[in-house]
Amino acid sequence: SRLVKSGWTVQELIAPRNVLLFDQNWDFIYRKRDALHVLSAATGVPAQVLATRDLRQCSVARRMSWAVRRKTTRIEDGAYCLMGPFNILMLMLHGERCRPFFRIHLEILKNSTDDSILAWPMRSVDPFTYRGPLA
């Protein structure tokens, strides 16, 4: 469904203790606590994280992976929806397009000792196309 693919879904499912889920006709489907494994399979967020809301048990790279293939209306919202899972406060400037990805990576590096954010596969060894380890 669109809910599972939305960029904002991850923080909206993790942050609140109680979540009620409804279908497009506003018919109740289930509570978050009763569907942890279904939500985990759909989002990639471990059921334990959904239950405890404790993000410290997941590496930076793992948290970044939750944002992959998510859809947002604006390009920059793809970066802004990562602010919650990384507990980052950052000025949201619409119209920046891809720049917020670089800014959020820098904030993560400043605020974390976990360097797994740098563990990205290198697509090219051509020095003219390689741009460094950040997005």
N, C-alpha and C. Protein backbone atom coordinates (compact mmCIF):
# COMPACT_ATOMS: atom_id res chain seq x y z
N SER A 1 0.83 -1.19 0.00
CA SER A 1 0.00 0.00 0.00
C SER A 1 0.87 1.26 0.00
N ARG A 2 0.24 2.39 -0.26
CA ARG A 2 0.97 3.66 -0.27
C ARG A 2 1.57 3.99 1.08
N LEU A 3 0.90 3.61 2.16
CA LEU A 3 1.40 3.88 3.50
C LEU A 3 2.78 3.29 3.70
N VAL A 4 2.96 2.07 3.30
CA VAL A 4 4.23 1.37 3.51
C VAL A 4 5.34 1.97 2.65
N LYS A 5 5.00 2.53 1.51
CA LYS A 5 6.01 3.09 0.60
C LYS A 5 6.33 4.55 0.88
N SER A 6 5.54 5.21 1.70
CA SER A 6 5.76 6.63 1.99
C SER A 6 7.04 6.83 2.79
N GLY A 7 7.77 7.88 2.45
CA GLY A 7 9.01 8.20 3.16
C GLY A 7 8.80 8.48 4.63
N TRP A 8 7.65 9.00 4.98
CA TRP A 8 7.39 9.41 6.37
C TRP A 8 6.90 8.26 7.23
N THR A 9 6.53 7.14 6.63
CA THR A 9 5.95 6.02 7.37
C THR A 9 6.85 5.48 8.48
N VAL A 10 8.15 5.39 8.24
CA VAL A 10 9.06 4.79 9.22
C VAL A 10 8.97 5.51 10.55
N GLN A 11 9.14 6.84 10.55
CA GLN A 11 9.09 7.54 11.83
C GLN A 11 7.68 7.57 12.40
N GLU A 12 6.66 7.57 11.54
CA GLU A 12 5.28 7.57 12.03
C GLU A 12 4.91 6.24 12.68
N LEU A 13 5.57 5.16 12.32
CA LEU A 13 5.31 3.86 12.95
C LEU A 13 6.17 3.64 14.19
N ILE A 14 7.37 4.20 14.20
CA ILE A 14 8.28 3.98 15.33
C ILE A 14 7.95 4.89 16.50
N ALA A 15 7.81 6.18 16.26
CA ALA A 15 7.71 7.17 17.33
C ALA A 15 6.52 6.96 18.28
N PRO A 16 5.31 6.82 17.80
CA PRO A 16 4.19 6.69 18.75
C PRO A 16 4.12 5.30 19.38
N ARG A 17 3.71 5.27 20.62
CA ARG A 17 3.54 4.00 21.32
C ARG A 17 2.34 3.24 20.74
N ASN A 18 1.26 3.96 20.47
CA ASN A 18 0.04 3.34 19.95
C ASN A 18 -0.27 3.87 18.56
N VAL A 19 -0.54 2.96 17.64
CA VAL A 19 -0.92 3.32 16.28
C VAL A 19 -2.10 2.44 15.89
N LEU A 20 -3.13 3.06 15.35
CA LEU A 20 -4.27 2.33 14.80
C LEU A 20 -4.19 2.45 13.29
N LEU A 21 -4.35 1.36 12.59
CA LEU A 21 -4.28 1.37 11.13
C LEU A 21 -5.66 1.10 10.53
N PHE A 22 -5.99 1.90 9.51
CA PHE A 22 -7.28 1.83 8.84
C PHE A 22 -7.05 1.65 7.35
N ASP A 23 -8.04 1.08 6.66
CA ASP A 23 -7.92 0.96 5.21
C ASP A 23 -8.42 2.23 4.54
N GLN A 24 -8.47 2.23 3.20
CA GLN A 24 -8.86 3.45 2.48
C GLN A 24 -10.31 3.85 2.72
N ASN A 25 -11.13 2.93 3.24
CA ASN A 25 -12.53 3.24 3.56
C ASN A 25 -12.71 3.61 5.03
N TRP A 26 -11.60 3.78 5.72
CA TRP A 26 -11.57 4.11 7.15
C TRP A 26 -12.11 2.99 8.03
N ASP A 27 -12.03 1.76 7.53
CA ASP A 27 -12.37 0.60 8.35
C ASP A 27 -11.11 0.18 9.11
N PHE A 28 -11.27 -0.07 10.40
CA PHE A 28 -10.15 -0.45 11.25
C PHE A 28 -9.53 -1.76 10.76
N ILE A 29 -8.20 -1.81 10.68
CA ILE A 29 -7.51 -3.04 10.27
C ILE A 29 -6.87 -3.69 11.49
N TYR A 30 -5.94 -2.98 12.15
CA TYR A 30 -5.30 -3.53 13.34
C TYR A 30 -4.50 -2.46 14.08
N ARG A 31 -4.10 -2.84 15.29
CA ARG A 31 -3.22 -2.00 16.11
C ARG A 31 -1.77 -2.35 15.80
N LYS A 32 -0.91 -1.37 15.97
CA LYS A 32 0.52 -1.58 15.74
C LYS A 32 1.02 -2.78 16.55
N ARG A 33 0.68 -2.83 17.83
CA ARG A 33 1.21 -3.89 18.70
C ARG A 33 0.77 -5.28 18.29
N ASP A 34 -0.35 -5.38 17.56
CA ASP A 34 -0.85 -6.69 17.11
C ASP A 34 -0.33 -7.09 15.73
N ALA A 35 0.37 -6.18 15.07
CA ALA A 35 0.81 -6.45 13.70
C ALA A 35 2.29 -6.15 13.50
N LEU A 36 3.08 -6.31 14.55
CA LEU A 36 4.50 -5.95 14.48
C LEU A 36 5.24 -6.70 13.37
N HIS A 37 4.96 -7.98 13.22
CA HIS A 37 5.68 -8.76 12.21
C HIS A 37 5.24 -8.41 10.79
N VAL A 38 3.97 -8.11 10.62
CA VAL A 38 3.46 -7.68 9.31
C VAL A 38 4.09 -6.34 8.94
N LEU A 39 4.10 -5.40 9.88
CA LEU A 39 4.68 -4.08 9.64
C LEU A 39 6.18 -4.17 9.41
N SER A 40 6.84 -5.04 10.15
CA SER A 40 8.28 -5.23 9.98
C SER A 40 8.59 -5.76 8.58
N ALA A 41 7.84 -6.74 8.14
CA ALA A 41 8.07 -7.31 6.80
C ALA A 41 7.82 -6.27 5.71
N ALA A 42 6.84 -5.40 5.93
CA ALA A 42 6.49 -4.40 4.91
C ALA A 42 7.46 -3.23 4.88
N THR A 43 8.04 -2.87 6.03
CA THR A 43 8.88 -1.67 6.10
C THR A 43 10.37 -1.96 6.19
N GLY A 44 10.73 -3.16 6.64
CA GLY A 44 12.14 -3.48 6.86
C GLY A 44 12.62 -3.10 8.25
N VAL A 45 11.77 -2.47 9.04
CA VAL A 45 12.12 -2.09 10.41
C VAL A 45 11.89 -3.30 11.31
N PRO A 46 12.89 -3.71 12.08
CA PRO A 46 12.72 -4.88 12.95
C PRO A 46 11.52 -4.74 13.89
N ALA A 47 10.80 -5.83 14.10
CA ALA A 47 9.64 -5.82 15.00
C ALA A 47 10.03 -5.32 16.39
N GLN A 48 11.22 -5.68 16.85
CA GLN A 48 11.69 -5.25 18.17
C GLN A 48 11.78 -3.73 18.25
N VAL A 49 12.22 -3.09 17.18
CA VAL A 49 12.31 -1.62 17.15
C VAL A 49 10.91 -1.01 17.15
N LEU A 50 10.00 -1.58 16.38
CA LEU A 50 8.63 -1.09 16.36
C LEU A 50 7.99 -1.21 17.74
N ALA A 51 8.31 -2.29 18.45
CA ALA A 51 7.72 -2.53 19.77
C ALA A 51 8.33 -1.64 20.85
N THR A 52 9.65 -1.51 20.84
CA THR A 52 10.33 -0.79 21.94
C THR A 52 10.62 0.67 21.61
N ARG A 53 10.60 1.01 20.32
CA ARG A 53 10.94 2.36 19.85
C ARG A 53 12.38 2.72 20.16
N ASP A 54 13.22 1.72 20.38
CA ASP A 54 14.63 1.93 20.69
C ASP A 54 15.47 1.75 19.43
N LEU A 55 15.91 2.86 18.87
CA LEU A 55 16.68 2.83 17.63
C LEU A 55 18.16 2.55 17.85
N ARG A 56 18.62 2.61 19.07
CA ARG A 56 20.04 2.43 19.36
C ARG A 56 20.53 1.03 19.01
N GLN A 57 19.63 0.07 18.95
CA GLN A 57 20.02 -1.30 18.64
C GLN A 57 20.32 -1.51 17.15
N CYS A 58 20.07 -0.50 16.33
CA CYS A 58 20.30 -0.62 14.88
C CYS A 58 21.40 0.33 14.42
N SER A 59 22.27 -0.18 13.57
CA SER A 59 23.36 0.64 13.04
C SER A 59 22.81 1.76 12.16
N VAL A 60 23.65 2.73 11.91
CA VAL A 60 23.28 3.83 11.01
C VAL A 60 22.93 3.27 9.63
N ALA A 61 23.74 2.36 9.13
CA ALA A 61 23.47 1.78 7.81
C ALA A 61 22.12 1.08 7.78
N ARG A 62 21.79 0.38 8.84
CA ARG A 62 20.49 -0.32 8.90
C ARG A 62 19.34 0.68 8.87
N ARG A 63 19.47 1.76 9.65
CA ARG A 63 18.41 2.78 9.65
C ARG A 63 18.30 3.46 8.29
N MET A 64 19.44 3.69 7.65
CA MET A 64 19.41 4.29 6.31
C MET A 64 18.70 3.36 5.32
N SER A 65 18.87 2.06 5.49
CA SER A 65 18.26 1.11 4.56
C SER A 65 16.74 1.17 4.61
N TRP A 66 16.18 1.61 5.72
CA TRP A 66 14.72 1.71 5.82
C TRP A 66 14.17 2.76 4.86
N ALA A 67 14.98 3.72 4.48
CA ALA A 67 14.53 4.80 3.60
C ALA A 67 14.61 4.43 2.12
N VAL A 68 15.31 3.35 1.81
CA VAL A 68 15.47 2.95 0.42
C VAL A 68 14.11 2.59 -0.18
N ARG A 69 13.89 3.00 -1.40
CA ARG A 69 12.66 2.72 -2.15
C ARG A 69 11.42 3.38 -1.56
N ARG A 70 11.58 4.34 -0.71
CA ARG A 70 10.42 5.07 -0.19
C ARG A 70 10.08 6.21 -1.14
N LYS A 71 8.84 6.56 -1.20
CA LYS A 71 8.38 7.62 -2.10
C LYS A 71 8.05 8.88 -1.30
N THR A 72 8.48 10.02 -1.83
CA THR A 72 8.12 11.31 -1.24
C THR A 72 7.69 12.23 -2.37
N THR A 73 6.91 13.23 -2.03
CA THR A 73 6.44 14.18 -3.03
C THR A 73 7.58 15.01 -3.58
N ARG A 74 8.46 15.45 -2.69
CA ARG A 74 9.62 16.25 -3.10
C ARG A 74 10.89 15.45 -2.86
N ILE A 75 11.89 15.67 -3.69
CA ILE A 75 13.16 14.95 -3.56
C ILE A 75 13.75 15.17 -2.18
N GLU A 76 13.76 16.42 -1.72
CA GLU A 76 14.38 16.73 -0.43
C GLU A 76 13.67 16.07 0.75
N ASP A 77 12.38 15.77 0.60
CA ASP A 77 11.66 15.09 1.68
C ASP A 77 12.21 13.70 1.95
N GLY A 78 12.84 13.10 0.95
CA GLY A 78 13.50 11.81 1.16
C GLY A 78 14.58 11.90 2.22
N ALA A 79 15.25 13.03 2.29
CA ALA A 79 16.26 13.26 3.34
C ALA A 79 15.60 13.72 4.63
N TYR A 80 14.64 14.62 4.53
CA TYR A 80 14.02 15.15 5.74
C TYR A 80 13.31 14.08 6.56
N CYS A 81 12.78 13.05 5.90
CA CYS A 81 12.09 11.99 6.65
C CYS A 81 13.07 11.12 7.43
N LEU A 82 14.37 11.31 7.23
CA LEU A 82 15.38 10.59 8.01
C LEU A 82 15.72 11.31 9.32
N MET A 83 15.26 12.54 9.48
CA MET A 83 15.61 13.31 10.67
C MET A 83 15.15 12.62 11.95
N GLY A 84 13.94 12.09 11.96
CA GLY A 84 13.40 11.42 13.14
C GLY A 84 14.19 10.18 13.54
N PRO A 85 14.38 9.22 12.62
CA PRO A 85 15.13 8.02 12.99
C PRO A 85 16.57 8.28 13.44
N PHE A 86 17.12 9.45 13.09
CA PHE A 86 18.49 9.77 13.51
C PHE A 86 18.53 10.86 14.58
N ASN A 87 17.35 11.28 15.05
CA ASN A 87 17.26 12.30 16.09
C ASN A 87 18.07 13.54 15.71
N ILE A 88 17.84 14.01 14.51
CA ILE A 88 18.57 15.16 13.98
C ILE A 88 17.61 16.33 13.78
N LEU A 89 18.03 17.48 14.26
CA LEU A 89 17.31 18.72 14.01
C LEU A 89 18.06 19.46 12.92
N MET A 90 17.36 19.79 11.87
CA MET A 90 18.01 20.41 10.73
C MET A 90 16.98 21.30 10.04
N LEU A 91 17.41 22.45 9.58
CA LEU A 91 16.53 23.36 8.89
C LEU A 91 16.03 22.72 7.59
N MET A 92 14.72 22.75 7.40
CA MET A 92 14.14 22.18 6.19
C MET A 92 13.94 23.29 5.18
N LEU A 93 14.68 23.24 4.11
CA LEU A 93 14.62 24.25 3.06
C LEU A 93 14.09 23.61 1.78
N HIS A 94 12.81 23.81 1.51
CA HIS A 94 12.24 23.20 0.31
C HIS A 94 12.80 23.86 -0.94
N GLY A 95 13.02 23.06 -1.95
CA GLY A 95 13.61 23.53 -3.18
C GLY A 95 15.08 23.18 -3.29
N GLU A 96 15.66 22.59 -2.24
CA GLU A 96 17.08 22.21 -2.26
C GLU A 96 17.36 20.96 -3.08
N ARG A 97 16.34 20.22 -3.37
CA ARG A 97 16.45 18.96 -4.13
C ARG A 97 17.37 17.95 -3.44
N CYS A 98 18.56 17.67 -3.92
CA CYS A 98 19.42 16.62 -3.36
C CYS A 98 20.34 17.08 -2.23
N ARG A 99 20.53 18.35 -2.06
CA ARG A 99 21.47 18.87 -1.05
C ARG A 99 21.17 18.38 0.37
N PRO A 100 19.92 18.24 0.79
CA PRO A 100 19.66 17.77 2.16
C PRO A 100 20.23 16.38 2.46
N PHE A 101 20.40 15.53 1.45
CA PHE A 101 21.00 14.22 1.69
C PHE A 101 22.44 14.38 2.17
N PHE A 102 23.16 15.29 1.56
CA PHE A 102 24.53 15.57 1.98
C PHE A 102 24.54 16.16 3.39
N ARG A 103 23.63 17.11 3.63
CA ARG A 103 23.58 17.75 4.96
C ARG A 103 23.23 16.74 6.05
N ILE A 104 22.29 15.84 5.78
CA ILE A 104 21.92 14.87 6.82
C ILE A 104 23.04 13.87 7.06
N HIS A 105 23.75 13.49 6.01
CA HIS A 105 24.91 12.61 6.19
C HIS A 105 25.96 13.27 7.08
N LEU A 106 26.21 14.54 6.85
CA LEU A 106 27.18 15.26 7.69
C LEU A 106 26.72 15.31 9.14
N GLU A 107 25.43 15.55 9.37
CA GLU A 107 24.90 15.59 10.74
C GLU A 107 25.03 14.23 11.41
N ILE A 108 24.76 13.17 10.67
CA ILE A 108 24.89 11.82 11.23
C ILE A 108 26.34 11.56 11.61
N LEU A 109 27.27 11.93 10.74
CA LEU A 109 28.69 11.74 11.04
C LEU A 109 29.13 12.55 12.26
N LYS A 110 28.57 13.76 12.41
CA LYS A 110 28.93 14.61 13.56
C LYS A 110 28.39 14.06 14.87
N ASN A 111 27.22 13.41 14.81
CA ASN A 111 26.53 13.00 16.03
C ASN A 111 26.64 11.52 16.35
N SER A 112 27.40 10.76 15.59
CA SER A 112 27.47 9.32 15.80
C SER A 112 28.90 8.82 15.69
N THR A 113 29.19 7.79 16.46
CA THR A 113 30.50 7.14 16.34
C THR A 113 30.41 5.92 15.42
N ASP A 114 29.21 5.64 14.92
CA ASP A 114 28.98 4.52 14.01
C ASP A 114 29.32 4.96 12.59
N ASP A 115 30.37 4.40 12.03
CA ASP A 115 30.77 4.80 10.68
C ASP A 115 30.20 3.89 9.59
N SER A 116 29.17 3.11 9.94
CA SER A 116 28.56 2.24 8.93
C SER A 116 27.88 3.04 7.82
N ILE A 117 27.66 4.33 8.05
CA ILE A 117 27.10 5.18 7.00
C ILE A 117 28.04 5.24 5.79
N LEU A 118 29.30 4.96 6.03
CA LEU A 118 30.30 5.00 4.95
C LEU A 118 30.41 3.66 4.21
N ALA A 119 29.64 2.67 4.62
CA ALA A 119 29.74 1.33 4.04
C ALA A 119 28.82 1.17 2.83
N TRP A 120 29.03 1.99 1.83
CA TRP A 120 28.24 1.91 0.61
C TRP A 120 29.07 1.25 -0.48
N PRO A 121 28.45 0.43 -1.31
CA PRO A 121 29.22 -0.20 -2.39
C PRO A 121 29.66 0.86 -3.41
N MET A 122 30.88 0.74 -3.87
CA MET A 122 31.39 1.67 -4.86
C MET A 122 30.98 1.17 -6.24
N ARG A 123 30.25 1.99 -6.98
CA ARG A 123 29.75 1.57 -8.29
C ARG A 123 30.81 1.66 -9.38
N SER A 124 31.76 2.55 -9.20
CA SER A 124 32.75 2.76 -10.25
C SER A 124 34.11 3.06 -9.65
N VAL A 125 35.13 2.58 -10.28
CA VAL A 125 36.49 2.91 -9.84
C VAL A 125 37.07 4.02 -10.70
N ASP A 126 36.29 4.49 -11.65
CA ASP A 126 36.72 5.58 -12.51
C ASP A 126 36.82 6.85 -11.67
N PRO A 127 38.02 7.46 -11.56
CA PRO A 127 38.19 8.64 -10.71
C PRO A 127 37.37 9.84 -11.18
N PHE A 128 36.88 9.81 -12.42
CA PHE A 128 36.09 10.93 -12.92
C PHE A 128 34.61 10.81 -12.54
N THR A 129 34.19 9.62 -12.11
CA THR A 129 32.80 9.45 -11.71
C THR A 129 32.65 9.22 -10.22
N TYR A 130 33.71 8.84 -9.53
CA TYR A 130 33.63 8.61 -8.08
C TYR A 130 33.51 9.95 -7.37
N ARG A 131 32.52 10.07 -6.48
CA ARG A 131 32.27 11.34 -5.82
C ARG A 131 32.45 11.29 -4.31
N GLY A 132 32.92 10.21 -3.78
CA GLY A 132 33.12 10.12 -2.34
C GLY A 132 32.06 9.27 -1.67
N PRO A 133 32.20 9.07 -0.37
CA PRO A 133 31.34 8.14 0.35
C PRO A 133 29.97 8.68 0.73
N LEU A 134 29.72 9.97 0.60
CA LEU A 134 28.43 10.52 0.99
C LEU A 134 27.50 10.65 -0.21
N ALA A 135 26.21 10.68 0.08
CA ALA A 135 25.20 10.78 -0.99
C ALA A 135 25.36 12.06 -1.78
